[in-house]
Amino acid sequence: MIQTPYLLFLGDAPDQLAAKVAQGIQDWRPDNVVGQLRLEGCKADVGAPDMTLEAAKAAGAKTLVIGVANRGGVISQKWKSVLLDALAMGYDLASGLHNLLRDEADLVEAARKHGRALHDVRVPGVEFPIANGVKRTGKRCLAVGTDCSVGKMYTALAMDKEMRARQMPATFRPTGQTGILVTGGGIPLDAVIADFMAGSVEWLTPDNDPDHWDLIEGQGSLFHVSYSGVTMALIHGGQPDALILSHEPTRDHMRGLPGYDLPSLEALRDLSLQLARVANPDVKVVGISVNTKDLSEDDALAYLADTEARMGLPTVDPFRQGAGRLVDALAAL
């Protein structure tokens, strides 16, 4: 088990979105966070107190969590002195990067010397089956996005929170490093061998009571040429009964792909339904989740109202306004 509380390491994150792992933990499990540690030049701030390793240790921090997800998921050499110092001070390390802690010889040796643990969240701990497409009992909801990092996980977590408040049977099913660090379980889908990705989602969302909802954490985008594969695995392995369209309205191109424009919500709706109906012919799009973080209150409300009028679906920012209307849409199915 990863020991809490955490000190969130933001390193030299080039922008706020690069620190989405730390931001997710801070937003959804603030009681598990002592503070954040930023290097010179870091352009992200998740709102936790800035602390040194020494100060956070004195405040009770037990694990230094690498909370930055850079392109390619690599452990930067600029971070090494901090990571080594943390191990020497008695911290464990946790990371969701593709570049594994256990593959860094100096970190492994330091952890051995100081009796500390290295937690690689992005290592599958199960031998997953190949998907069989057999229909499972229970209900499943999946958020699909116009792009990566538009709020799919926040949508599912906000809906999970609302459903728990209503005492509706529901389970958030993490499929990425942030969700796993927030909840303590799940599958690192983008680290699963391709042939077994859809099967791992079937494994994650097994048979359940007829009125129980699995809220599956979305990943990638069908329109993102780098990460569309994980989205397809979620759509076919998850066999969703309900889809939520997720969008961030201020972007002028796909994340990391300047030559690619974002698709329209109409295009996302139509393609997602076409592919989801392969595994579940009865799937429906029930709502739209918009990440309005970079819009003023008035602009956000206007955008949501215009989108709802155009699309004919309940449209909200579930983190800013709550997920009540999205949950209402699920309850109506």
C-alpha atoms as a PDB file:
ATOM      1  CA  MET A   1       0.000   0.000   0.000  1.00  0.00           C
ATOM      2  CA  ILE A   2       1.170   3.541  -0.760  1.00  0.00           C
ATOM      3  CA  GLN A   3       1.529   5.387   2.532  1.00  0.00           C
ATOM      4  CA  THR A   4      -0.201   8.710   3.044  1.00  0.00           C
ATOM      5  CA  PRO A   5      -0.004  11.646   3.446  1.00  0.00           C
ATOM      6  CA  TYR A   6       1.756  12.751   0.283  1.00  0.00           C
ATOM      7  CA  LEU A   7       4.137  15.499  -0.707  1.00  0.00           C
ATOM      8  CA  LEU A   8       3.287  16.268  -4.341  1.00  0.00           C
ATOM      9  CA  PHE A   9       6.343  16.765  -6.557  1.00  0.00           C
ATOM     10  CA  LEU A  10       5.608  19.078  -9.486  1.00  0.00           C
ATOM     11  CA  GLY A  11       9.195  19.275 -10.695  1.00  0.00           C
ATOM     12  CA  ASP A  12       9.664  21.749 -13.538  1.00  0.00           C
ATOM     13  CA  ALA A  13       6.179  21.286 -15.022  1.00  0.00           C
ATOM     14  CA  PRO A  14       5.927  23.511 -18.130  1.00  0.00           C
ATOM     15  CA  ASP A  15       2.224  24.286 -17.668  1.00  0.00           C
ATOM     16  CA  GLN A  16      -0.708  23.594 -15.378  1.00  0.00           C
ATOM     17  CA  LEU A  17      -1.971  20.652 -17.398  1.00  0.00           C
ATOM     18  CA  ALA A  18       1.376  18.883 -17.058  1.00  0.00           C
ATOM     19  CA  ALA A  19       0.681  18.632 -13.302  1.00  0.00           C
ATOM     20  CA  LYS A  20      -2.694  16.981 -13.761  1.00  0.00           C
ATOM     21  CA  VAL A  21      -1.728  14.000 -11.586  1.00  0.00           C
ATOM     22  CA  ALA A  22      -0.933  16.242  -8.619  1.00  0.00           C
ATOM     23  CA  GLN A  23      -3.981  18.408  -9.337  1.00  0.00           C
ATOM     24  CA  GLY A  24      -6.279  15.395  -9.354  1.00  0.00           C
ATOM     25  CA  ILE A  25      -4.985  14.193  -5.997  1.00  0.00           C
ATOM     26  CA  GLN A  26      -5.249  17.672  -4.493  1.00  0.00           C
ATOM     27  CA  ASP A  27      -8.793  18.186  -5.801  1.00  0.00           C
ATOM     28  CA  TRP A  28     -10.204  14.798  -4.808  1.00  0.00           C
ATOM     29  CA  ARG A  29      -8.119  13.677  -1.807  1.00  0.00           C
ATOM     30  CA  PRO A  30      -6.861  16.912  -0.181  1.00  0.00           C
ATOM     31  CA  ASP A  31      -6.735  15.203   3.216  1.00  0.00           C
ATOM     32  CA  ASN A  32      -3.955  12.994   1.829  1.00  0.00           C
ATOM     33  CA  VAL A  33      -1.787  15.974   0.825  1.00  0.00           C
ATOM     34  CA  VAL A  34       0.686  17.850   3.044  1.00  0.00           C
ATOM     35  CA  GLY A  35       2.046  20.164   0.364  1.00  0.00           C
ATOM     36  CA  GLN A  36       3.695  20.580  -3.023  1.00  0.00           C
ATOM     37  CA  LEU A  37       7.366  20.786  -4.015  1.00  0.00           C
ATOM     38  CA  ARG A  38       8.262  22.807  -7.110  1.00  0.00           C
ATOM     39  CA  LEU A  39      11.591  23.306  -8.843  1.00  0.00           C
ATOM     40  CA  GLU A  40      12.803  26.581 -10.313  1.00  0.00           C
ATOM     41  CA  GLY A  41      10.918  27.319 -13.523  1.00  0.00           C
ATOM     42  CA  CYS A  42       7.847  25.287 -12.598  1.00  0.00           C
ATOM     43  CA  LYS A  43       4.770  26.875 -14.165  1.00  0.00           C
ATOM     44  CA  ALA A  44       2.164  24.815 -12.307  1.00  0.00           C
ATOM     45  CA  ASP A  45       0.538  25.320  -8.921  1.00  0.00           C
ATOM     46  CA  VAL A  46      -2.078  22.877  -7.597  1.00  0.00           C
ATOM     47  CA  GLY A  47      -2.954  25.025  -4.593  1.00  0.00           C
ATOM     48  CA  ALA A  48      -1.192  23.038  -1.889  1.00  0.00           C
ATOM     49  CA  PRO A  49       1.322  24.767   0.415  1.00  0.00           C
ATOM     50  CA  ASP A  50       4.836  25.011  -1.014  1.00  0.00           C
ATOM     51  CA  MET A  51       7.184  22.945   1.140  1.00  0.00           C
ATOM     52  CA  THR A  52      10.717  21.657   1.201  1.00  0.00           C
ATOM     53  CA  LEU A  53      11.402  17.976   1.730  1.00  0.00           C
ATOM     54  CA  GLU A  54      12.429  18.747   5.302  1.00  0.00           C
ATOM     55  CA  ALA A  55       9.326  20.783   6.138  1.00  0.00           C
ATOM     56  CA  ALA A  56       6.942  18.251   4.625  1.00  0.00           C
ATOM     57  CA  LYS A  57       8.655  15.395   6.457  1.00  0.00           C
ATOM     58  CA  ALA A  58       8.267  17.277   9.720  1.00  0.00           C
ATOM     59  CA  ALA A  59       4.573  17.745   8.873  1.00  0.00           C
ATOM     60  CA  GLY A  60       4.126  13.991   8.503  1.00  0.00           C
ATOM     61  CA  ALA A  61       4.530  13.322   4.774  1.00  0.00           C
ATOM     62  CA  LYS A  62       5.412   9.699   4.073  1.00  0.00           C
ATOM     63  CA  THR A  63       5.463   9.448   0.256  1.00  0.00           C
ATOM     64  CA  LEU A  64       6.809  11.792  -2.401  1.00  0.00           C
ATOM     65  CA  VAL A  65       4.449  11.448  -5.353  1.00  0.00           C
ATOM     66  CA  ILE A  66       5.698  12.445  -8.785  1.00  0.00           C
ATOM     67  CA  GLY A  67       2.662  14.491  -9.726  1.00  0.00           C
ATOM     68  CA  VAL A  68       3.776  15.677 -13.151  1.00  0.00           C
ATOM     69  CA  ALA A  69       2.955  13.769 -16.343  1.00  0.00           C
ATOM     70  CA  ASN A  70       5.288  14.942 -19.091  1.00  0.00           C
ATOM     71  CA  ARG A  71       5.090  13.843 -22.737  1.00  0.00           C
ATOM     72  CA  GLY A  72       6.508  10.340 -22.919  1.00  0.00           C
ATOM     73  CA  GLY A  73       6.325   9.891 -19.145  1.00  0.00           C
ATOM     74  CA  VAL A  74      10.063  10.080 -18.392  1.00  0.00           C
ATOM     75  CA  ILE A  75      11.939  10.675 -15.135  1.00  0.00           C
ATOM     76  CA  SER A  76      13.938  13.827 -15.777  1.00  0.00           C
ATOM     77  CA  GLN A  77      17.572  13.950 -14.707  1.00  0.00           C
ATOM     78  CA  LYS A  78      16.758  17.387 -13.251  1.00  0.00           C
ATOM     79  CA  TRP A  79      14.581  15.629 -10.672  1.00  0.00           C
ATOM     80  CA  LYS A  80      17.095  13.028  -9.557  1.00  0.00           C
ATOM     81  CA  SER A  81      18.745  14.938  -6.723  1.00  0.00           C
ATOM     82  CA  VAL A  82      15.338  15.610  -5.138  1.00  0.00           C
ATOM     83  CA  LEU A  83      14.253  11.993  -5.489  1.00  0.00           C
ATOM     84  CA  LEU A  84      17.501  10.690  -4.011  1.00  0.00           C
ATOM     85  CA  ASP A  85      17.357  13.184  -1.147  1.00  0.00           C
ATOM     86  CA  ALA A  86      13.775  12.139  -0.424  1.00  0.00           C
ATOM     87  CA  LEU A  87      14.732   8.481  -0.134  1.00  0.00           C
ATOM     88  CA  ALA A  88      17.604   9.385   2.185  1.00  0.00           C
ATOM     89  CA  MET A  89      15.170  11.341   4.402  1.00  0.00           C
ATOM     90  CA  GLY A  90      12.821   8.378   4.744  1.00  0.00           C
ATOM     91  CA  TYR A  91      10.262   9.042   2.030  1.00  0.00           C
ATOM     92  CA  ASP A  92       8.836   6.345  -0.192  1.00  0.00           C
ATOM     93  CA  LEU A  93       8.449   7.290  -3.869  1.00  0.00           C
ATOM     94  CA  ALA A  94       5.362   6.836  -6.026  1.00  0.00           C
ATOM     95  CA  SER A  95       5.095   7.463  -9.742  1.00  0.00           C
ATOM     96  CA  GLY A  96       2.667   6.906 -12.566  1.00  0.00           C
ATOM     97  CA  LEU A  97       5.177   7.586 -15.330  1.00  0.00           C
ATOM     98  CA  HIS A  98       5.956   5.143 -18.117  1.00  0.00           C
ATOM     99  CA  ASN A  99       9.632   5.435 -17.129  1.00  0.00           C
ATOM    100  CA  LEU A 100       9.575   3.166 -14.079  1.00  0.00           C
ATOM    101  CA  LEU A 101      11.252   3.947 -10.780  1.00  0.00           C
ATOM    102  CA  ARG A 102      12.413   0.343 -10.570  1.00  0.00           C
ATOM    103  CA  ASP A 103      14.333   0.752 -13.826  1.00  0.00           C
ATOM    104  CA  GLU A 104      16.469   3.588 -12.422  1.00  0.00           C
ATOM    105  CA  ALA A 105      19.506   1.913 -10.871  1.00  0.00           C
ATOM    106  CA  ASP A 106      20.427   4.843  -8.619  1.00  0.00           C
ATOM    107  CA  LEU A 107      16.900   5.061  -7.195  1.00  0.00           C
ATOM    108  CA  VAL A 108      16.745   1.314  -6.648  1.00  0.00           C
ATOM    109  CA  GLU A 109      20.068   1.349  -4.809  1.00  0.00           C
ATOM    110  CA  ALA A 110      19.047   4.328  -2.676  1.00  0.00           C
ATOM    111  CA  ALA A 111      15.726   2.691  -1.798  1.00  0.00           C
ATOM    112  CA  ARG A 112      17.539  -0.505  -0.792  1.00  0.00           C
ATOM    113  CA  LYS A 113      20.106   1.390   1.262  1.00  0.00           C
ATOM    114  CA  HIS A 114      17.515   3.408   3.179  1.00  0.00           C
ATOM    115  CA  GLY A 115      14.827   0.708   3.396  1.00  0.00           C
ATOM    116  CA  ARG A 116      12.280   2.635   1.367  1.00  0.00           C
ATOM    117  CA  ALA A 117       9.626   1.523  -1.150  1.00  0.00           C
ATOM    118  CA  LEU A 118       9.303   2.425  -4.829  1.00  0.00           C
ATOM    119  CA  HIS A 119       5.712   2.356  -6.101  1.00  0.00           C
ATOM    120  CA  ASP A 120       5.259   2.183  -9.877  1.00  0.00           C
ATOM    121  CA  VAL A 121       1.542   2.770 -10.323  1.00  0.00           C
ATOM    122  CA  ARG A 122       1.707   2.139 -14.064  1.00  0.00           C
ATOM    123  CA  VAL A 123       2.620  -1.549 -13.728  1.00  0.00           C
ATOM    124  CA  PRO A 124      -0.301  -3.942 -14.259  1.00  0.00           C
ATOM    125  CA  GLY A 125      -0.581  -6.335 -11.340  1.00  0.00           C
ATOM    126  CA  VAL A 126      -2.918  -8.828 -13.040  1.00  0.00           C
ATOM    127  CA  GLU A 127      -2.677 -11.130 -16.049  1.00  0.00           C
ATOM    128  CA  PHE A 128      -5.686  -9.828 -17.945  1.00  0.00           C
ATOM    129  CA  PRO A 129      -7.800 -11.928 -20.322  1.00  0.00           C
ATOM    130  CA  ILE A 130      -8.535 -11.169 -23.954  1.00  0.00           C
ATOM    131  CA  ALA A 131     -11.947  -9.519 -24.244  1.00  0.00           C
ATOM    132  CA  ASN A 132     -14.836 -11.867 -25.047  1.00  0.00           C
ATOM    133  CA  GLY A 133     -17.604  -9.305 -25.563  1.00  0.00           C
ATOM    134  CA  VAL A 134     -20.070 -11.211 -23.368  1.00  0.00           C
ATOM    135  CA  LYS A 135     -22.753  -8.881 -21.991  1.00  0.00           C
ATOM    136  CA  ARG A 136     -22.404  -8.301 -18.238  1.00  0.00           C
ATOM    137  CA  THR A 137     -25.070  -7.462 -15.678  1.00  0.00           C
ATOM    138  CA  GLY A 138     -25.157  -4.017 -14.119  1.00  0.00           C
ATOM    139  CA  LYS A 139     -24.805  -0.660 -15.869  1.00  0.00           C
ATOM    140  CA  ARG A 140     -21.763   1.287 -17.083  1.00  0.00           C
ATOM    141  CA  CYS A 141     -21.083   4.919 -17.927  1.00  0.00           C
ATOM    142  CA  LEU A 142     -18.060   6.216 -19.834  1.00  0.00           C
ATOM    143  CA  ALA A 143     -16.933   9.766 -20.568  1.00  0.00           C
ATOM    144  CA  VAL A 144     -15.445  10.252 -24.049  1.00  0.00           C
ATOM    145  CA  GLY A 145     -13.596  13.396 -25.031  1.00  0.00           C
ATOM    146  CA  THR A 146     -12.897  15.694 -27.937  1.00  0.00           C
ATOM    147  CA  ASP A 147      -9.264  15.614 -26.734  1.00  0.00           C
ATOM    148  CA  CYS A 148      -6.995  14.294 -23.993  1.00  0.00           C
ATOM    149  CA  SER A 149      -7.071  15.907 -20.549  1.00  0.00           C
ATOM    150  CA  VAL A 150     -10.435  17.618 -20.932  1.00  0.00           C
ATOM    151  CA  GLY A 151     -12.011  16.414 -17.671  1.00  0.00           C
ATOM    152  CA  LYS A 152     -13.148  12.834 -18.232  1.00  0.00           C
ATOM    153  CA  MET A 153     -11.816  11.618 -14.876  1.00  0.00           C
ATOM    154  CA  TYR A 154     -13.234  14.646 -13.052  1.00  0.00           C
ATOM    155  CA  THR A 155     -16.603  13.945 -14.658  1.00  0.00           C
ATOM    156  CA  ALA A 156     -16.663  10.370 -13.368  1.00  0.00           C
ATOM    157  CA  LEU A 157     -15.453  11.365  -9.899  1.00  0.00           C
ATOM    158  CA  ALA A 158     -18.010  14.165  -9.651  1.00  0.00           C
ATOM    159  CA  MET A 159     -20.783  11.779 -10.689  1.00  0.00           C
ATOM    160  CA  ASP A 160     -19.539   9.186  -8.198  1.00  0.00           C
ATOM    161  CA  LYS A 161     -19.634  11.794  -5.424  1.00  0.00           C
ATOM    162  CA  GLU A 162     -23.184  12.838  -6.341  1.00  0.00           C
ATOM    163  CA  MET A 163     -24.419   9.255  -6.583  1.00  0.00           C
ATOM    164  CA  ARG A 164     -22.947   8.383  -3.208  1.00  0.00           C
ATOM    165  CA  ALA A 165     -24.699  11.412  -1.716  1.00  0.00           C
ATOM    166  CA  ARG A 166     -27.957  10.087  -3.151  1.00  0.00           C
ATOM    167  CA  GLN A 167     -27.131   6.564  -1.917  1.00  0.00           C
ATOM    168  CA  MET A 168     -27.245   5.272  -5.472  1.00  0.00           C
ATOM    169  CA  PRO A 169     -25.111   2.141  -6.001  1.00  0.00           C
ATOM    170  CA  ALA A 170     -22.071   3.243  -7.999  1.00  0.00           C
ATOM    171  CA  THR A 171     -18.331   2.606  -8.234  1.00  0.00           C
ATOM    172  CA  PHE A 172     -15.656   4.797  -9.794  1.00  0.00           C
ATOM    173  CA  ARG A 173     -13.387   2.564 -11.899  1.00  0.00           C
ATOM    174  CA  PRO A 174      -9.924   4.129 -12.358  1.00  0.00           C
ATOM    175  CA  THR A 175      -8.010   3.406 -15.555  1.00  0.00           C
ATOM    176  CA  GLY A 176      -5.038   5.781 -15.208  1.00  0.00           C
ATOM    177  CA  GLN A 177      -2.327   6.742 -12.772  1.00  0.00           C
ATOM    178  CA  THR A 178      -4.154   9.711 -11.240  1.00  0.00           C
ATOM    179  CA  GLY A 179      -7.327   7.757 -10.571  1.00  0.00           C
ATOM    180  CA  ILE A 180      -5.305   4.931  -9.038  1.00  0.00           C
ATOM    181  CA  LEU A 181      -3.459   7.353  -6.743  1.00  0.00           C
ATOM    182  CA  VAL A 182      -6.755   9.002  -5.776  1.00  0.00           C
ATOM    183  CA  THR A 183      -8.606   5.769  -4.949  1.00  0.00           C
ATOM    184  CA  GLY A 184      -5.884   3.182  -4.328  1.00  0.00           C
ATOM    185  CA  GLY A 185      -6.975   0.749  -7.054  1.00  0.00           C
ATOM    186  CA  GLY A 186      -7.753   0.313 -10.748  1.00  0.00           C
ATOM    187  CA  ILE A 187      -5.839  -0.561 -13.929  1.00  0.00           C
ATOM    188  CA  PRO A 188      -3.088   1.414 -15.706  1.00  0.00           C
ATOM    189  CA  LEU A 189      -4.757   0.922 -19.069  1.00  0.00           C
ATOM    190  CA  ASP A 190      -2.131   2.556 -21.262  1.00  0.00           C
ATOM    191  CA  ALA A 191       0.492   0.178 -19.838  1.00  0.00           C
ATOM    192  CA  VAL A 192      -1.500  -2.975 -20.654  1.00  0.00           C
ATOM    193  CA  ILE A 193      -0.390  -4.952 -23.725  1.00  0.00           C
ATOM    194  CA  ALA A 194      -2.643  -3.931 -26.609  1.00  0.00           C
ATOM    195  CA  ASP A 195      -4.303  -7.320 -27.134  1.00  0.00           C
ATOM    196  CA  PHE A 196      -5.439  -7.350 -23.508  1.00  0.00           C
ATOM    197  CA  MET A 197      -6.610  -3.748 -23.053  1.00  0.00           C
ATOM    198  CA  ALA A 198     -10.296  -4.372 -23.745  1.00  0.00           C
ATOM    199  CA  GLY A 199     -10.136  -7.531 -21.626  1.00  0.00           C
ATOM    200  CA  SER A 200      -8.689  -5.556 -18.724  1.00  0.00           C
ATOM    201  CA  VAL A 201     -11.669  -3.192 -18.875  1.00  0.00           C
ATOM    202  CA  GLU A 202     -14.032  -6.176 -18.838  1.00  0.00           C
ATOM    203  CA  TRP A 203     -12.128  -7.443 -15.768  1.00  0.00           C
ATOM    204  CA  LEU A 204     -12.386  -4.031 -14.089  1.00  0.00           C
ATOM    205  CA  THR A 205     -16.166  -3.806 -14.640  1.00  0.00           C
ATOM    206  CA  PRO A 206     -17.528  -7.276 -13.831  1.00  0.00           C
ATOM    207  CA  ASP A 207     -21.109  -8.479 -13.408  1.00  0.00           C
ATOM    208  CA  ASN A 208     -22.981  -6.450 -10.812  1.00  0.00           C
ATOM    209  CA  ASP A 209     -26.444  -5.737  -9.439  1.00  0.00           C
ATOM    210  CA  PRO A 210     -28.932  -4.577 -12.092  1.00  0.00           C
ATOM    211  CA  ASP A 211     -29.137  -1.020 -10.690  1.00  0.00           C
ATOM    212  CA  HIS A 212     -25.404  -0.610 -10.003  1.00  0.00           C
ATOM    213  CA  TRP A 213     -23.423   1.864 -12.115  1.00  0.00           C
ATOM    214  CA  ASP A 214     -19.731   1.511 -12.898  1.00  0.00           C
ATOM    215  CA  LEU A 215     -18.366   4.982 -13.670  1.00  0.00           C
ATOM    216  CA  ILE A 216     -15.402   4.216 -15.913  1.00  0.00           C
ATOM    217  CA  GLU A 217     -12.550   6.718 -16.047  1.00  0.00           C
ATOM    218  CA  GLY A 218     -12.127   7.833 -19.658  1.00  0.00           C
ATOM    219  CA  GLN A 219      -8.762   8.051 -21.423  1.00  0.00           C
ATOM    220  CA  GLY A 220      -7.466   9.669 -24.596  1.00  0.00           C
ATOM    221  CA  SER A 221      -9.755  10.544 -27.484  1.00  0.00           C
ATOM    222  CA  LEU A 222     -10.915   8.740 -30.590  1.00  0.00           C
ATOM    223  CA  PHE A 223      -9.726  11.805 -32.514  1.00  0.00           C
ATOM    224  CA  HIS A 224      -6.226  11.932 -30.987  1.00  0.00           C
ATOM    225  CA  VAL A 225      -3.810  10.047 -33.240  1.00  0.00           C
ATOM    226  CA  SER A 226      -1.417   9.409 -30.342  1.00  0.00           C
ATOM    227  CA  TYR A 227      -3.871   7.940 -27.821  1.00  0.00           C
ATOM    228  CA  SER A 228      -6.991   6.741 -29.628  1.00  0.00           C
ATOM    229  CA  GLY A 229      -6.229   3.086 -28.861  1.00  0.00           C
ATOM    230  CA  VAL A 230      -6.963   3.363 -25.157  1.00  0.00           C
ATOM    231  CA  THR A 231     -10.296   5.026 -25.912  1.00  0.00           C
ATOM    232  CA  MET A 232     -11.313   2.202 -28.227  1.00  0.00           C
ATOM    233  CA  ALA A 233     -10.443  -0.367 -25.559  1.00  0.00           C
ATOM    234  CA  LEU A 234     -12.652   1.454 -23.051  1.00  0.00           C
ATOM    235  CA  ILE A 235     -15.536   1.682 -25.490  1.00  0.00           C
ATOM    236  CA  HIS A 236     -15.499  -1.991 -26.455  1.00  0.00           C
ATOM    237  CA  GLY A 237     -14.308  -3.472 -23.168  1.00  0.00           C
ATOM    238  CA  GLY A 238     -16.560  -1.246 -21.084  1.00  0.00           C
ATOM    239  CA  GLN A 239     -19.697  -1.875 -23.158  1.00  0.00           C
ATOM    240  CA  PRO A 240     -21.116   1.395 -21.800  1.00  0.00           C
ATOM    241  CA  ASP A 241     -24.851   1.873 -21.460  1.00  0.00           C
ATOM    242  CA  ALA A 242     -24.361   5.636 -21.203  1.00  0.00           C
ATOM    243  CA  LEU A 243     -21.825   8.023 -22.733  1.00  0.00           C
ATOM    244  CA  ILE A 244     -20.943  11.509 -21.499  1.00  0.00           C
ATOM    245  CA  LEU A 245     -19.326  13.834 -24.038  1.00  0.00           C
ATOM    246  CA  SER A 246     -16.410  15.797 -22.544  1.00  0.00           C
ATOM    247  CA  HIS A 247     -14.931  19.000 -23.953  1.00  0.00           C
ATOM    248  CA  GLU A 248     -12.610  21.908 -23.132  1.00  0.00           C
ATOM    249  CA  PRO A 249     -13.711  24.925 -25.210  1.00  0.00           C
ATOM    250  CA  THR A 250     -10.615  27.153 -25.138  1.00  0.00           C
ATOM    251  CA  ARG A 251      -8.154  24.968 -27.039  1.00  0.00           C
ATOM    252  CA  ASP A 252      -7.154  25.779 -30.585  1.00  0.00           C
ATOM    253  CA  HIS A 253      -5.651  22.353 -31.389  1.00  0.00           C
ATOM    254  CA  MET A 254      -5.377  18.821 -29.993  1.00  0.00           C
ATOM    255  CA  ARG A 255      -3.027  18.583 -27.012  1.00  0.00           C
ATOM    256  CA  GLY A 256       0.502  18.013 -28.307  1.00  0.00           C
ATOM    257  CA  LEU A 257      -0.651  18.017 -31.938  1.00  0.00           C
ATOM    258  CA  PRO A 258      -0.595  21.572 -33.348  1.00  0.00           C
ATOM    259  CA  GLY A 259      -1.616  20.346 -36.792  1.00  0.00           C
ATOM    260  CA  TYR A 260      -4.876  18.794 -35.607  1.00  0.00           C
ATOM    261  CA  ASP A 261      -8.069  20.717 -34.836  1.00  0.00           C
ATOM    262  CA  LEU A 262     -10.502  19.539 -32.183  1.00  0.00           C
ATOM    263  CA  PRO A 263     -13.602  17.764 -33.488  1.00  0.00           C
ATOM    264  CA  SER A 264     -17.067  19.137 -32.913  1.00  0.00           C
ATOM    265  CA  LEU A 265     -19.273  17.672 -30.211  1.00  0.00           C
ATOM    266  CA  GLU A 266     -21.542  16.426 -32.986  1.00  0.00           C
ATOM    267  CA  ALA A 267     -18.657  14.516 -34.552  1.00  0.00           C
ATOM    268  CA  LEU A 268     -17.685  13.078 -31.155  1.00  0.00           C
ATOM    269  CA  ARG A 269     -21.281  12.006 -30.504  1.00  0.00           C
ATOM    270  CA  ASP A 270     -21.723  10.312 -33.851  1.00  0.00           C
ATOM    271  CA  LEU A 271     -18.410   8.443 -33.949  1.00  0.00           C
ATOM    272  CA  SER A 272     -18.602   7.366 -30.313  1.00  0.00           C
ATOM    273  CA  LEU A 273     -22.102   5.989 -30.745  1.00  0.00           C
ATOM    274  CA  GLN A 274     -21.163   4.137 -33.918  1.00  0.00           C
ATOM    275  CA  LEU A 275     -18.235   2.390 -32.231  1.00  0.00           C
ATOM    276  CA  ALA A 276     -19.973   1.807 -28.884  1.00  0.00           C
ATOM    277  CA  ARG A 277     -22.921   0.121 -30.604  1.00  0.00           C
ATOM    278  CA  VAL A 278     -20.576  -2.631 -31.773  1.00  0.00           C
ATOM    279  CA  ALA A 279     -20.446  -3.894 -28.169  1.00  0.00           C
ATOM    280  CA  ASN A 280     -23.758  -2.518 -26.850  1.00  0.00           C
ATOM    281  CA  PRO A 281     -26.459  -1.658 -29.415  1.00  0.00           C
ATOM    282  CA  ASP A 282     -28.539   0.074 -26.710  1.00  0.00           C
ATOM    283  CA  VAL A 283     -25.921   2.653 -25.671  1.00  0.00           C
ATOM    284  CA  LYS A 284     -27.070   6.280 -25.411  1.00  0.00           C
ATOM    285  CA  VAL A 285     -25.383   9.672 -25.117  1.00  0.00           C
ATOM    286  CA  VAL A 286     -26.982  11.185 -22.016  1.00  0.00           C
ATOM    287  CA  GLY A 287     -25.117  14.419 -21.298  1.00  0.00           C
ATOM    288  CA  ILE A 288     -22.216  16.772 -21.919  1.00  0.00           C
ATOM    289  CA  SER A 289     -19.450  17.712 -19.495  1.00  0.00           C
ATOM    290  CA  VAL A 290     -17.576  20.943 -20.246  1.00  0.00           C
ATOM    291  CA  ASN A 291     -14.369  21.968 -18.518  1.00  0.00           C
ATOM    292  CA  THR A 292     -14.929  25.722 -18.070  1.00  0.00           C
ATOM    293  CA  LYS A 293     -11.932  26.360 -15.819  1.00  0.00           C
ATOM    294  CA  ASP A 294     -10.475  28.950 -18.196  1.00  0.00           C
ATOM    295  CA  LEU A 295     -13.783  30.797 -18.717  1.00  0.00           C
ATOM    296  CA  SER A 296     -15.287  33.504 -16.531  1.00  0.00           C
ATOM    297  CA  GLU A 297     -18.526  32.685 -14.725  1.00  0.00           C
ATOM    298  CA  ASP A 298     -20.646  34.599 -17.243  1.00  0.00           C
ATOM    299  CA  ASP A 299     -18.833  33.147 -20.257  1.00  0.00           C
ATOM    300  CA  ALA A 300     -19.073  29.662 -18.808  1.00  0.00           C
ATOM    301  CA  LEU A 301     -22.821  29.892 -18.229  1.00  0.00           C
ATOM    302  CA  ALA A 302     -23.364  31.294 -21.716  1.00  0.00           C
ATOM    303  CA  TYR A 303     -21.284  28.550 -23.331  1.00  0.00           C
ATOM    304  CA  LEU A 304     -23.105  25.823 -21.408  1.00  0.00           C
ATOM    305  CA  ALA A 305     -26.525  27.243 -22.316  1.00  0.00           C
ATOM    306  CA  ASP A 306     -25.639  27.596 -26.001  1.00  0.00           C
ATOM    307  CA  THR A 307     -24.231  24.069 -26.145  1.00  0.00           C
ATOM    308  CA  GLU A 308     -27.261  22.579 -24.423  1.00  0.00           C
ATOM    309  CA  ALA A 309     -29.626  24.346 -26.809  1.00  0.00           C
ATOM    310  CA  ARG A 310     -27.633  23.140 -29.823  1.00  0.00           C
ATOM    311  CA  MET A 311     -27.101  19.541 -28.702  1.00  0.00           C
ATOM    312  CA  GLY A 312     -30.345  18.895 -26.827  1.00  0.00           C
ATOM    313  CA  LEU A 313     -28.512  17.299 -23.892  1.00  0.00           C
ATOM    314  CA  PRO A 314     -27.955  18.402 -20.270  1.00  0.00           C
ATOM    315  CA  THR A 315     -24.674  20.337 -20.335  1.00  0.00           C
ATOM    316  CA  VAL A 316     -22.751  21.215 -17.175  1.00  0.00           C
ATOM    317  CA  ASP A 317     -19.307  21.701 -15.710  1.00  0.00           C
ATOM    318  CA  PRO A 318     -19.578  18.937 -13.071  1.00  0.00           C
ATOM    319  CA  PHE A 319     -16.612  20.191 -11.040  1.00  0.00           C
ATOM    320  CA  ARG A 320     -17.760  23.803 -11.004  1.00  0.00           C
ATOM    321  CA  GLN A 321     -21.515  23.252 -10.753  1.00  0.00           C
ATOM    322  CA  GLY A 322     -21.920  19.701  -9.527  1.00  0.00           C
ATOM    323  CA  ALA A 323     -22.904  16.584 -11.454  1.00  0.00           C
ATOM    324  CA  GLY A 324     -26.549  16.468 -10.429  1.00  0.00           C
ATOM    325  CA  ARG A 325     -28.028  16.842 -13.915  1.00  0.00           C
ATOM    326  CA  LEU A 326     -25.733  14.177 -15.353  1.00  0.00           C
ATOM    327  CA  VAL A 327     -26.756  11.790 -12.582  1.00  0.00           C
ATOM    328  CA  ASP A 328     -30.401  12.654 -13.252  1.00  0.00           C
ATOM    329  CA  ALA A 329     -29.811  11.550 -16.860  1.00  0.00           C
ATOM    330  CA  LEU A 330     -28.428   8.198 -15.698  1.00  0.00           C
ATOM    331  CA  ALA A 331     -31.311   7.695 -13.289  1.00  0.00           C
ATOM    332  CA  ALA A 332     -33.750   8.266 -16.155  1.00  0.00           C
ATOM    333  CA  LEU A 333     -32.355   5.357 -18.216  1.00  0.00           C
END
